[in-house]
């Protein structure tokens, strides 16, 4: 299962590469982070769509 922590790690690594002057490596890591975020959001939307609506009864 993917987590937002992994997304943050890729984005922080991208920033570190940028600061080191390795813009291409930073760009690749940023793309990986954004791709993971899209996959996580898609998964969450599918999970929400498959759950029955709450009835309001407890």
PDB file of N, CA and C in Angstrom:
ATOM      1  N   UNK A   1       0.840  -1.178   0.000  1.00  0.00           N
ATOM      2  CA  UNK A   1       0.000   0.000   0.000  1.00  0.00           C
ATOM      3  C   UNK A   1       0.888   1.245   0.000  1.00  0.00           C
ATOM      4  N   UNK A   2       0.530   2.186  -0.812  1.00  0.00           N
ATOM      5  CA  UNK A   2       1.283   3.421  -0.910  1.00  0.00           C
ATOM      6  C   UNK A   2       0.834   4.414   0.153  1.00  0.00           C
ATOM      7  N   UNK A   3       1.765   5.225   0.604  1.00  0.00           N
ATOM      8  CA  UNK A   3       1.423   6.228   1.603  1.00  0.00           C
ATOM      9  C   UNK A   3       1.915   7.600   1.155  1.00  0.00           C
ATOM     10  N   UNK A   4       1.340   8.607   1.749  1.00  0.00           N
ATOM     11  CA  UNK A   4       1.762   9.973   1.438  1.00  0.00           C
ATOM     12  C   UNK A   4       3.171  10.235   1.956  1.00  0.00           C
ATOM     13  N   UNK A   5       3.626   9.438   2.902  1.00  0.00           N
ATOM     14  CA  UNK A   5       4.995   9.572   3.400  1.00  0.00           C
ATOM     15  C   UNK A   5       5.985   9.301   2.270  1.00  0.00           C
ATOM     16  N   UNK A   6       5.673   8.322   1.436  1.00  0.00           N
ATOM     17  CA  UNK A   6       6.540   8.018   0.295  1.00  0.00           C
ATOM     18  C   UNK A   6       6.540   9.169  -0.703  1.00  0.00           C
ATOM     19  N   UNK A   7       5.394   9.798  -0.887  1.00  0.00           N
ATOM     20  CA  UNK A   7       5.309  10.957  -1.777  1.00  0.00           C
ATOM     21  C   UNK A   7       6.212  12.066  -1.238  1.00  0.00           C
ATOM     22  N   UNK A   8       6.087  12.346   0.061  1.00  0.00           N
ATOM     23  CA  UNK A   8       6.902  13.392   0.679  1.00  0.00           C
ATOM     24  C   UNK A   8       8.391  13.090   0.547  1.00  0.00           C
ATOM     25  N   UNK A   9       8.756  11.824   0.684  1.00  0.00           N
ATOM     26  CA  UNK A   9      10.164  11.445   0.569  1.00  0.00           C
ATOM     27  C   UNK A   9      10.695  11.742  -0.835  1.00  0.00           C
ATOM     28  N   UNK A  10       9.918  11.429  -1.850  1.00  0.00           N
ATOM     29  CA  UNK A  10      10.357  11.714  -3.221  1.00  0.00           C
ATOM     30  C   UNK A  10      10.483  13.219  -3.450  1.00  0.00           C
ATOM     31  N   UNK A  11       9.547  13.993  -2.919  1.00  0.00           N
ATOM     32  CA  UNK A  11       9.594  15.434  -3.112  1.00  0.00           C
ATOM     33  C   UNK A  11      10.762  16.065  -2.369  1.00  0.00           C
ATOM     34  N   UNK A  12      11.060  15.577  -1.174  1.00  0.00           N
ATOM     35  CA  UNK A  12      12.208  16.092  -0.429  1.00  0.00           C
ATOM     36  C   UNK A  12      13.516  15.718  -1.118  1.00  0.00           C
ATOM     37  N   UNK A  13      13.568  14.516  -1.661  1.00  0.00           N
ATOM     38  CA  UNK A  13      14.751  14.100  -2.405  1.00  0.00           C
ATOM     39  C   UNK A  13      14.927  14.965  -3.651  1.00  0.00           C
ATOM     40  N   UNK A  14      13.824  15.303  -4.296  1.00  0.00           N
ATOM     41  CA  UNK A  14      13.882  16.182  -5.471  1.00  0.00           C
ATOM     42  C   UNK A  14      14.461  17.540  -5.082  1.00  0.00           C
ATOM     43  N   UNK A  15      14.027  18.071  -3.948  1.00  0.00           N
ATOM     44  CA  UNK A  15      14.567  19.360  -3.485  1.00  0.00           C
ATOM     45  C   UNK A  15      16.058  19.261  -3.204  1.00  0.00           C
ATOM     46  N   UNK A  16      16.469  18.161  -2.592  1.00  0.00           N
ATOM     47  CA  UNK A  16      17.889  17.975  -2.291  1.00  0.00           C
ATOM     48  C   UNK A  16      18.710  17.904  -3.579  1.00  0.00           C
ATOM     49  N   UNK A  17      18.224  17.169  -4.567  1.00  0.00           N
ATOM     50  CA  UNK A  17      18.927  17.104  -5.851  1.00  0.00           C
ATOM     51  C   UNK A  17      19.014  18.483  -6.493  1.00  0.00           C
ATOM     52  N   UNK A  18      17.937  19.244  -6.424  1.00  0.00           N
ATOM     53  CA  UNK A  18      17.943  20.590  -7.000  1.00  0.00           C
ATOM     54  C   UNK A  18      19.012  21.456  -6.344  1.00  0.00           C
ATOM     55  N   UNK A  19      19.119  21.373  -5.029  1.00  0.00           N
ATOM     56  CA  UNK A  19      20.110  22.172  -4.297  1.00  0.00           C
ATOM     57  C   UNK A  19      21.533  21.753  -4.645  1.00  0.00           C
ATOM     58  N   UNK A  20      21.710  20.488  -5.009  1.00  0.00           N
ATOM     59  CA  UNK A  20      23.034  19.996  -5.393  1.00  0.00           C
ATOM     60  C   UNK A  20      23.350  20.284  -6.857  1.00  0.00           C
ATOM     61  N   UNK A  21      22.390  20.871  -7.553  1.00  0.00           N
ATOM     62  CA  UNK A  21      22.606  21.175  -8.958  1.00  0.00           C
ATOM     63  C   UNK A  21      22.281  20.019  -9.889  1.00  0.00           C
ATOM     64  N   UNK A  22      21.669  18.990  -9.366  1.00  0.00           N
ATOM     65  CA  UNK A  22      21.302  17.824 -10.176  1.00  0.00           C
ATOM     66  C   UNK A  22      19.831  17.954 -10.554  1.00  0.00           C
ATOM     67  N   UNK A  23      19.552  18.904 -11.442  1.00  0.00           N
ATOM     68  CA  UNK A  23      18.173  19.229 -11.780  1.00  0.00           C
ATOM     69  C   UNK A  23      17.454  18.068 -12.448  1.00  0.00           C
ATOM     70  N   UNK A  24      18.163  17.302 -13.280  1.00  0.00           N
ATOM     71  CA  UNK A  24      17.513  16.174 -13.968  1.00  0.00           C
ATOM     72  C   UNK A  24      17.066  15.123 -12.956  1.00  0.00           C
ATOM     73  N   UNK A  25      17.937  14.791 -12.011  1.00  0.00           N
ATOM     74  CA  UNK A  25      17.579  13.814 -10.977  1.00  0.00           C
ATOM     75  C   UNK A  25      16.432  14.349 -10.115  1.00  0.00           C
ATOM     76  N   UNK A  26      16.460  15.646  -9.818  1.00  0.00           N
ATOM     77  CA  UNK A  26      15.382  16.257  -9.056  1.00  0.00           C
ATOM     78  C   UNK A  26      14.060  16.175  -9.790  1.00  0.00           C
ATOM     79  N   UNK A  27      14.123  16.411 -11.093  1.00  0.00           N
ATOM     80  CA  UNK A  27      12.912  16.337 -11.919  1.00  0.00           C
ATOM     81  C   UNK A  27      12.338  14.916 -11.914  1.00  0.00           C
ATOM     82  N   UNK A  28      13.210  13.916 -12.038  1.00  0.00           N
ATOM     83  CA  UNK A  28      12.746  12.519 -12.033  1.00  0.00           C
ATOM     84  C   UNK A  28      12.084  12.172 -10.708  1.00  0.00           C
ATOM     85  N   UNK A  29      12.683  12.580  -9.604  1.00  0.00           N
ATOM     86  CA  UNK A  29      12.112  12.281  -8.285  1.00  0.00           C
ATOM     87  C   UNK A  29      10.779  13.001  -8.090  1.00  0.00           C
ATOM     88  N   UNK A  30      10.707  14.234  -8.562  1.00  0.00           N
ATOM     89  CA  UNK A  30       9.458  14.983  -8.451  1.00  0.00           C
ATOM     90  C   UNK A  30       8.350  14.292  -9.243  1.00  0.00           C
ATOM     91  N   UNK A  31       8.685  13.795 -10.433  1.00  0.00           N
ATOM     92  CA  UNK A  31       7.700  13.069 -11.236  1.00  0.00           C
ATOM     93  C   UNK A  31       7.245  11.799 -10.525  1.00  0.00           C
ATOM     94  N   UNK A  32       8.181  11.079  -9.912  1.00  0.00           N
ATOM     95  CA  UNK A  32       7.819   9.870  -9.169  1.00  0.00           C
ATOM     96  C   UNK A  32       6.858  10.207  -8.033  1.00  0.00           C
ATOM     97  N   UNK A  33       7.149  11.283  -7.307  1.00  0.00           N
ATOM     98  CA  UNK A  33       6.285  11.689  -6.205  1.00  0.00           C
ATOM     99  C   UNK A  33       4.897  12.066  -6.685  1.00  0.00           C
ATOM    100  N   UNK A  34       4.819  12.811  -7.780  1.00  0.00           N
ATOM    101  CA  UNK A  34       3.530  13.217  -8.317  1.00  0.00           C
ATOM    102  C   UNK A  34       2.745  12.019  -8.846  1.00  0.00           C
ATOM    103  N   UNK A  35       3.439  11.072  -9.452  1.00  0.00           N
ATOM    104  CA  UNK A  35       2.775   9.861  -9.944  1.00  0.00           C
ATOM    105  C   UNK A  35       2.209   9.050  -8.783  1.00  0.00           C
ATOM    106  N   UNK A  36       2.993   8.904  -7.720  1.00  0.00           N
ATOM    107  CA  UNK A  36       2.501   8.190  -6.538  1.00  0.00           C
ATOM    108  C   UNK A  36       1.283   8.891  -5.945  1.00  0.00           C
ATOM    109  N   UNK A  37       1.318  10.210  -5.883  1.00  0.00           N
ATOM    110  CA  UNK A  37       0.188  10.959  -5.331  1.00  0.00           C
ATOM    111  C   UNK A  37      -1.071  10.728  -6.168  1.00  0.00           C
ATOM    112  N   UNK A  38      -0.944  10.739  -7.482  1.00  0.00           N
ATOM    113  CA  UNK A  38      -2.099  10.472  -8.345  1.00  0.00           C
ATOM    114  C   UNK A  38      -2.638   9.062  -8.115  1.00  0.00           C
ATOM    115  N   UNK A  39      -1.740   8.089  -7.966  1.00  0.00           N
ATOM    116  CA  UNK A  39      -2.172   6.710  -7.731  1.00  0.00           C
ATOM    117  C   UNK A  39      -2.897   6.586  -6.395  1.00  0.00           C
ATOM    118  N   UNK A  40      -2.388   7.260  -5.368  1.00  0.00           N
ATOM    119  CA  UNK A  40      -3.019   7.221  -4.048  1.00  0.00           C
ATOM    120  C   UNK A  40      -4.405   7.856  -4.113  1.00  0.00           C
ATOM    121  N   UNK A  41      -4.513   9.011  -4.757  1.00  0.00           N
ATOM    122  CA  UNK A  41      -5.793   9.696  -4.864  1.00  0.00           C
ATOM    123  C   UNK A  41      -6.796   8.859  -5.645  1.00  0.00           C
ATOM    124  N   UNK A  42      -6.346   8.207  -6.704  1.00  0.00           N
ATOM    125  CA  UNK A  42      -7.223   7.347  -7.498  1.00  0.00           C
ATOM    126  C   UNK A  42      -7.717   6.173  -6.653  1.00  0.00           C
ATOM    127  N   UNK A  43      -6.823   5.570  -5.889  1.00  0.00           N
ATOM    128  CA  UNK A  43      -7.185   4.460  -5.017  1.00  0.00           C
ATOM    129  C   UNK A  43      -8.210   4.900  -3.973  1.00  0.00           C
ATOM    130  N   UNK A  44      -7.988   6.088  -3.366  1.00  0.00           N
ATOM    131  CA  UNK A  44      -8.910   6.587  -2.359  1.00  0.00           C
ATOM    132  C   UNK A  44     -10.292   6.845  -2.955  1.00  0.00           C
ATOM    133  N   UNK A  45     -10.335   7.381  -4.165  1.00  0.00           N
ATOM    134  CA  UNK A  45     -11.619   7.636  -4.813  1.00  0.00           C
ATOM    135  C   UNK A  45     -12.360   6.331  -5.088  1.00  0.00           C
ATOM    136  N   UNK A  46     -11.638   5.311  -5.513  1.00  0.00           N
ATOM    137  CA  UNK A  46     -12.264   4.015  -5.770  1.00  0.00           C
ATOM    138  C   UNK A  46     -12.797   3.406  -4.481  1.00  0.00           C
ATOM    139  N   UNK A  47     -12.046   3.565  -3.397  1.00  0.00           N
ATOM    140  CA  UNK A  47     -12.477   3.031  -2.110  1.00  0.00           C
ATOM    141  C   UNK A  47     -13.752   3.729  -1.648  1.00  0.00           C
ATOM    142  N   UNK A  48     -13.811   5.039  -1.793  1.00  0.00           N
ATOM    143  CA  UNK A  48     -14.985   5.793  -1.365  1.00  0.00           C
ATOM    144  C   UNK A  48     -16.196   5.433  -2.220  1.00  0.00           C
ATOM    145  N   UNK A  49     -15.985   5.233  -3.503  1.00  0.00           N
ATOM    146  CA  UNK A  49     -17.089   4.908  -4.403  1.00  0.00           C
ATOM    147  C   UNK A  49     -17.651   3.511  -4.124  1.00  0.00           C
ATOM    148  N   UNK A  50     -16.826   2.613  -3.622  1.00  0.00           N
ATOM    149  CA  UNK A  50     -17.283   1.243  -3.385  1.00  0.00           C
ATOM    150  C   UNK A  50     -17.958   1.063  -2.027  1.00  0.00           C
ATOM    151  N   UNK A  51     -17.854   2.057  -1.144  1.00  0.00           N
ATOM    152  CA  UNK A  51     -18.480   1.954   0.158  1.00  0.00           C
ATOM    153  C   UNK A  51     -19.937   2.380   0.070  1.00  0.00           C
ATOM    154  N   UNK A  52     -20.819   1.653   0.747  1.00  0.00           N
ATOM    155  CA  UNK A  52     -22.237   2.050   0.754  1.00  0.00           C
ATOM    156  C   UNK A  52     -22.401   3.360   1.520  1.00  0.00           C
ATOM    157  N   UNK A  53     -23.381   4.163   1.159  1.00  0.00           N
ATOM    158  CA  UNK A  53     -23.591   5.433   1.860  1.00  0.00           C
ATOM    159  C   UNK A  53     -24.012   5.190   3.313  1.00  0.00           C
ATOM    160  N   UNK A  54     -23.605   6.100   4.182  1.00  0.00           N
ATOM    161  CA  UNK A  54     -23.958   5.991   5.607  1.00  0.00           C
ATOM    162  C   UNK A  54     -25.447   6.274   5.762  1.00  0.00           C
ATOM    163  N   UNK A  55     -26.118   5.477   6.581  1.00  0.00           N
ATOM    164  CA  UNK A  55     -27.572   5.597   6.732  1.00  0.00           C
ATOM    165  C   UNK A  55     -27.983   6.602   7.808  1.00  0.00           C
ATOM    166  N   UNK A  56     -27.049   7.002   8.661  1.00  0.00           N
ATOM    167  CA  UNK A  56     -27.388   7.933   9.726  1.00  0.00           C
ATOM    168  C   UNK A  56     -27.865   7.262  10.990  1.00  0.00           C
ATOM    169  N   UNK A  57     -28.036   5.955  10.958  1.00  0.00           N
ATOM    170  CA  UNK A  57     -28.461   5.210  12.155  1.00  0.00           C
ATOM    171  C   UNK A  57     -27.238   4.675  12.863  1.00  0.00           C
ATOM    172  N   UNK A  58     -27.322   4.621  14.199  1.00  0.00           N
ATOM    173  CA  UNK A  58     -26.208   4.086  14.988  1.00  0.00           C
ATOM    174  C   UNK A  58     -26.635   2.877  15.752  1.00  0.00           C
TER     175      UNK A  58
END
